[in-house]
Amino acid sequence: MALTDLSSLDFIRIIRLKHAAELLQEGELRTNEICDRVEFQSPSYFAKVFQK
């Protein structure tokens, strides 16, 4: 993307991770439920990417 110097996939991943962070802060859902909500296919991949 020309505006952000990120690829489209990286930009979308960042948006999804920000939404996941908001859901985690609310504290109402378990990690695997958040993973599903932000459309990560694997909880282990979600955890790996989220930690970065």
PDB file of N, CA and C in Angstrom:
ATOM      1  N   MET A   1       0.837  -1.175   0.000  1.00  0.00           N
ATOM      2  CA  MET A   1       0.000   0.000   0.000  1.00  0.00           C
ATOM      3  C   MET A   1       0.886   1.243   0.000  1.00  0.00           C
ATOM      4  N   ALA A   2       0.596   2.130  -0.860  1.00  0.00           N
ATOM      5  CA  ALA A   2       1.422   3.323  -1.000  1.00  0.00           C
ATOM      6  C   ALA A   2       1.320   4.246   0.205  1.00  0.00           C
ATOM      7  N   LEU A   3       0.192   4.284   0.866  1.00  0.00           N
ATOM      8  CA  LEU A   3       0.013   5.196   1.995  1.00  0.00           C
ATOM      9  C   LEU A   3       0.724   4.738   3.263  1.00  0.00           C
ATOM     10  N   THR A   4       0.912   3.461   3.434  1.00  0.00           N
ATOM     11  CA  THR A   4       1.459   2.941   4.686  1.00  0.00           C
ATOM     12  C   THR A   4       2.798   2.236   4.544  1.00  0.00           C
ATOM     13  N   ASP A   5       3.271   2.033   3.355  1.00  0.00           N
ATOM     14  CA  ASP A   5       4.493   1.260   3.095  1.00  0.00           C
ATOM     15  C   ASP A   5       4.370  -0.184   3.563  1.00  0.00           C
ATOM     16  N   LEU A   6       3.165  -0.667   3.716  1.00  0.00           N
ATOM     17  CA  LEU A   6       2.910  -2.056   4.094  1.00  0.00           C
ATOM     18  C   LEU A   6       2.231  -2.766   2.938  1.00  0.00           C
ATOM     19  N   SER A   7       2.431  -4.066   2.878  1.00  0.00           N
ATOM     20  CA  SER A   7       1.669  -4.841   1.905  1.00  0.00           C
ATOM     21  C   SER A   7       0.217  -4.897   2.373  1.00  0.00           C
ATOM     22  N   SER A   8      -0.665  -5.223   1.479  1.00  0.00           N
ATOM     23  CA  SER A   8      -2.083  -5.331   1.839  1.00  0.00           C
ATOM     24  C   SER A   8      -2.289  -6.360   2.948  1.00  0.00           C
ATOM     25  N   LEU A   9      -1.575  -7.478   2.854  1.00  0.00           N
ATOM     26  CA  LEU A   9      -1.718  -8.526   3.867  1.00  0.00           C
ATOM     27  C   LEU A   9      -1.239  -8.055   5.240  1.00  0.00           C
ATOM     28  N   ASP A  10      -0.125  -7.339   5.273  1.00  0.00           N
ATOM     29  CA  ASP A  10       0.381  -6.825   6.550  1.00  0.00           C
ATOM     30  C   ASP A  10      -0.587  -5.804   7.144  1.00  0.00           C
ATOM     31  N   PHE A  11      -1.141  -4.945   6.308  1.00  0.00           N
ATOM     32  CA  PHE A  11      -2.088  -3.944   6.782  1.00  0.00           C
ATOM     33  C   PHE A  11      -3.320  -4.605   7.394  1.00  0.00           C
ATOM     34  N   ILE A  12      -3.866  -5.592   6.713  1.00  0.00           N
ATOM     35  CA  ILE A  12      -5.040  -6.309   7.215  1.00  0.00           C
ATOM     36  C   ILE A  12      -4.706  -7.042   8.507  1.00  0.00           C
ATOM     37  N   ARG A  13      -3.528  -7.665   8.572  1.00  0.00           N
ATOM     38  CA  ARG A  13      -3.108  -8.382   9.775  1.00  0.00           C
ATOM     39  C   ARG A  13      -3.036  -7.419  10.970  1.00  0.00           C
ATOM     40  N   ILE A  14      -2.509  -6.226  10.764  1.00  0.00           N
ATOM     41  CA  ILE A  14      -2.413  -5.241  11.846  1.00  0.00           C
ATOM     42  C   ILE A  14      -3.798  -4.828  12.332  1.00  0.00           C
ATOM     43  N   ILE A  15      -4.721  -4.606  11.423  1.00  0.00           N
ATOM     44  CA  ILE A  15      -6.092  -4.242  11.800  1.00  0.00           C
ATOM     45  C   ILE A  15      -6.719  -5.366  12.625  1.00  0.00           C
ATOM     46  N   ARG A  16      -6.537  -6.603  12.193  1.00  0.00           N
ATOM     47  CA  ARG A  16      -7.103  -7.745  12.919  1.00  0.00           C
ATOM     48  C   ARG A  16      -6.480  -7.877  14.302  1.00  0.00           C
ATOM     49  N   LEU A  17      -5.165  -7.647  14.411  1.00  0.00           N
ATOM     50  CA  LEU A  17      -4.491  -7.745  15.708  1.00  0.00           C
ATOM     51  C   LEU A  17      -4.934  -6.628  16.655  1.00  0.00           C
ATOM     52  N   LYS A  18      -5.174  -5.437  16.128  1.00  0.00           N
ATOM     53  CA  LYS A  18      -5.675  -4.341  16.968  1.00  0.00           C
ATOM     54  C   LYS A  18      -7.063  -4.683  17.520  1.00  0.00           C
ATOM     55  N   HIS A  19      -7.891  -5.263  16.676  1.00  0.00           N
ATOM     56  CA  HIS A  19      -9.225  -5.681  17.133  1.00  0.00           C
ATOM     57  C   HIS A  19      -9.094  -6.779  18.187  1.00  0.00           C
ATOM     58  N   ALA A  20      -8.180  -7.702  17.984  1.00  0.00           N
ATOM     59  CA  ALA A  20      -7.956  -8.775  18.960  1.00  0.00           C
ATOM     60  C   ALA A  20      -7.506  -8.190  20.297  1.00  0.00           C
ATOM     61  N   ALA A  21      -6.637  -7.189  20.257  1.00  0.00           N
ATOM     62  CA  ALA A  21      -6.165  -6.553  21.491  1.00  0.00           C
ATOM     63  C   ALA A  21      -7.324  -5.914  22.243  1.00  0.00           C
ATOM     64  N   GLU A  22      -8.227  -5.276  21.526  1.00  0.00           N
ATOM     65  CA  GLU A  22      -9.413  -4.676  22.153  1.00  0.00           C
ATOM     66  C   GLU A  22     -10.266  -5.750  22.821  1.00  0.00           C
ATOM     67  N   LEU A  23     -10.468  -6.862  22.128  1.00  0.00           N
ATOM     68  CA  LEU A  23     -11.277  -7.948  22.686  1.00  0.00           C
ATOM     69  C   LEU A  23     -10.605  -8.556  23.919  1.00  0.00           C
ATOM     70  N   LEU A  24      -9.283  -8.680  23.891  1.00  0.00           N
ATOM     71  CA  LEU A  24      -8.563  -9.206  25.051  1.00  0.00           C
ATOM     72  C   LEU A  24      -8.709  -8.284  26.250  1.00  0.00           C
ATOM     73  N   GLN A  25      -8.650  -6.982  26.009  1.00  0.00           N
ATOM     74  CA  GLN A  25      -8.780  -6.024  27.104  1.00  0.00           C
ATOM     75  C   GLN A  25     -10.163  -6.070  27.735  1.00  0.00           C
ATOM     76  N   GLU A  26     -11.183  -6.346  26.931  1.00  0.00           N
ATOM     77  CA  GLU A  26     -12.542  -6.464  27.472  1.00  0.00           C
ATOM     78  C   GLU A  26     -12.646  -7.648  28.423  1.00  0.00           C
ATOM     79  N   GLY A  27     -11.876  -8.694  28.165  1.00  0.00           N
ATOM     80  CA  GLY A  27     -11.799  -9.833  29.061  1.00  0.00           C
ATOM     81  C   GLY A  27     -13.009 -10.749  29.086  1.00  0.00           C
ATOM     82  N   GLU A  28     -13.870 -10.641  28.109  1.00  0.00           N
ATOM     83  CA  GLU A  28     -15.087 -11.456  28.108  1.00  0.00           C
ATOM     84  C   GLU A  28     -14.952 -12.747  27.311  1.00  0.00           C
ATOM     85  N   LEU A  29     -13.942 -12.828  26.443  1.00  0.00           N
ATOM     86  CA  LEU A  29     -13.787 -13.990  25.576  1.00  0.00           C
ATOM     87  C   LEU A  29     -12.471 -14.705  25.854  1.00  0.00           C
ATOM     88  N   ARG A  30     -12.461 -16.001  25.584  1.00  0.00           N
ATOM     89  CA  ARG A  30     -11.216 -16.767  25.671  1.00  0.00           C
ATOM     90  C   ARG A  30     -10.399 -16.541  24.407  1.00  0.00           C
ATOM     91  N   THR A  31      -9.128 -16.865  24.495  1.00  0.00           N
ATOM     92  CA  THR A  31      -8.214 -16.625  23.374  1.00  0.00           C
ATOM     93  C   THR A  31      -8.677 -17.311  22.101  1.00  0.00           C
ATOM     94  N   ASN A  32      -9.134 -18.554  22.196  1.00  0.00           N
ATOM     95  CA  ASN A  32      -9.561 -19.254  20.982  1.00  0.00           C
ATOM     96  C   ASN A  32     -10.809 -18.614  20.376  1.00  0.00           C
ATOM     97  N   GLU A  33     -11.673 -18.029  21.200  1.00  0.00           N
ATOM     98  CA  GLU A  33     -12.847 -17.327  20.683  1.00  0.00           C
ATOM     99  C   GLU A  33     -12.434 -16.037  19.969  1.00  0.00           C
ATOM    100  N   ILE A  34     -11.454 -15.356  20.526  1.00  0.00           N
ATOM    101  CA  ILE A  34     -10.941 -14.146  19.887  1.00  0.00           C
ATOM    102  C   ILE A  34     -10.284 -14.499  18.562  1.00  0.00           C
ATOM    103  N   CYS A  35      -9.538 -15.575  18.550  1.00  0.00           N
ATOM    104  CA  CYS A  35      -8.908 -16.055  17.327  1.00  0.00           C
ATOM    105  C   CYS A  35      -9.953 -16.248  16.225  1.00  0.00           C
ATOM    106  N   ASP A  36     -11.062 -16.865  16.570  1.00  0.00           N
ATOM    107  CA  ASP A  36     -12.150 -17.060  15.608  1.00  0.00           C
ATOM    108  C   ASP A  36     -12.759 -15.735  15.171  1.00  0.00           C
ATOM    109  N   ARG A  37     -12.968 -14.840  16.112  1.00  0.00           N
ATOM    110  CA  ARG A  37     -13.596 -13.549  15.798  1.00  0.00           C
ATOM    111  C   ARG A  37     -12.773 -12.707  14.843  1.00  0.00           C
ATOM    112  N   VAL A  38     -11.460 -12.750  14.987  1.00  0.00           N
ATOM    113  CA  VAL A  38     -10.603 -11.942  14.116  1.00  0.00           C
ATOM    114  C   VAL A  38     -10.092 -12.747  12.919  1.00  0.00           C
ATOM    115  N   GLU A  39     -10.627 -13.948  12.776  1.00  0.00           N
ATOM    116  CA  GLU A  39     -10.441 -14.804  11.611  1.00  0.00           C
ATOM    117  C   GLU A  39      -9.006 -15.283  11.387  1.00  0.00           C
ATOM    118  N   PHE A  40      -8.348 -15.666  12.482  1.00  0.00           N
ATOM    119  CA  PHE A  40      -7.090 -16.395  12.358  1.00  0.00           C
ATOM    120  C   PHE A  40      -7.448 -17.866  12.364  1.00  0.00           C
ATOM    121  N   GLN A  41      -6.850 -18.639  11.486  1.00  0.00           N
ATOM    122  CA  GLN A  41      -7.230 -20.043  11.344  1.00  0.00           C
ATOM    123  C   GLN A  41      -6.698 -20.921  12.460  1.00  0.00           C
ATOM    124  N   SER A  42      -5.601 -20.510  13.071  1.00  0.00           N
ATOM    125  CA  SER A  42      -4.966 -21.348  14.078  1.00  0.00           C
ATOM    126  C   SER A  42      -4.653 -20.537  15.331  1.00  0.00           C
ATOM    127  N   PRO A  43      -5.086 -20.995  16.498  1.00  0.00           N
ATOM    128  CA  PRO A  43      -4.751 -20.283  17.735  1.00  0.00           C
ATOM    129  C   PRO A  43      -3.244 -20.166  17.964  1.00  0.00           C
ATOM    130  N   SER A  44      -2.472 -21.183  17.556  1.00  0.00           N
ATOM    131  CA  SER A  44      -1.025 -21.102  17.751  1.00  0.00           C
ATOM    132  C   SER A  44      -0.409 -20.035  16.847  1.00  0.00           C
ATOM    133  N   TYR A  45      -0.884 -19.920  15.614  1.00  0.00           N
ATOM    134  CA  TYR A  45      -0.383 -18.875  14.719  1.00  0.00           C
ATOM    135  C   TYR A  45      -0.799 -17.501  15.235  1.00  0.00           C
ATOM    136  N   PHE A  46      -2.028 -17.404  15.702  1.00  0.00           N
ATOM    137  CA  PHE A  46      -2.517 -16.152  16.273  1.00  0.00           C
ATOM    138  C   PHE A  46      -1.615 -15.715  17.428  1.00  0.00           C
ATOM    139  N   ALA A  47      -1.309 -16.622  18.320  1.00  0.00           N
ATOM    140  CA  ALA A  47      -0.464 -16.298  19.483  1.00  0.00           C
ATOM    141  C   ALA A  47       0.921 -15.858  19.030  1.00  0.00           C
ATOM    142  N   LYS A  48       1.476 -16.531  18.048  1.00  0.00           N
ATOM    143  CA  LYS A  48       2.808 -16.197  17.541  1.00  0.00           C
ATOM    144  C   LYS A  48       2.817 -14.790  16.937  1.00  0.00           C
ATOM    145  N   VAL A  49       1.847 -14.486  16.103  1.00  0.00           N
ATOM    146  CA  VAL A  49       1.783 -13.179  15.456  1.00  0.00           C
ATOM    147  C   VAL A  49       1.453 -12.091  16.469  1.00  0.00           C
ATOM    148  N   PHE A  50       0.577 -12.386  17.404  1.00  0.00           N
ATOM    149  CA  PHE A  50       0.168 -11.399  18.403  1.00  0.00           C
ATOM    150  C   PHE A  50       1.342 -11.009  19.289  1.00  0.00           C
ATOM    151  N   GLN A  51       2.203 -11.943  19.613  1.00  0.00           N
ATOM    152  CA  GLN A  51       3.352 -11.645  20.473  1.00  0.00           C
ATOM    153  C   GLN A  51       4.343 -10.712  19.808  1.00  0.00           C
ATOM    154  N   LYS A  52       4.431 -10.755  18.495  1.00  0.00           N
ATOM    155  CA  LYS A  52       5.347  -9.871  17.768  1.00  0.00           C
ATOM    156  C   LYS A  52       4.882  -8.454  17.935  1.00  0.00           C
TER     157      LYS A  52
END
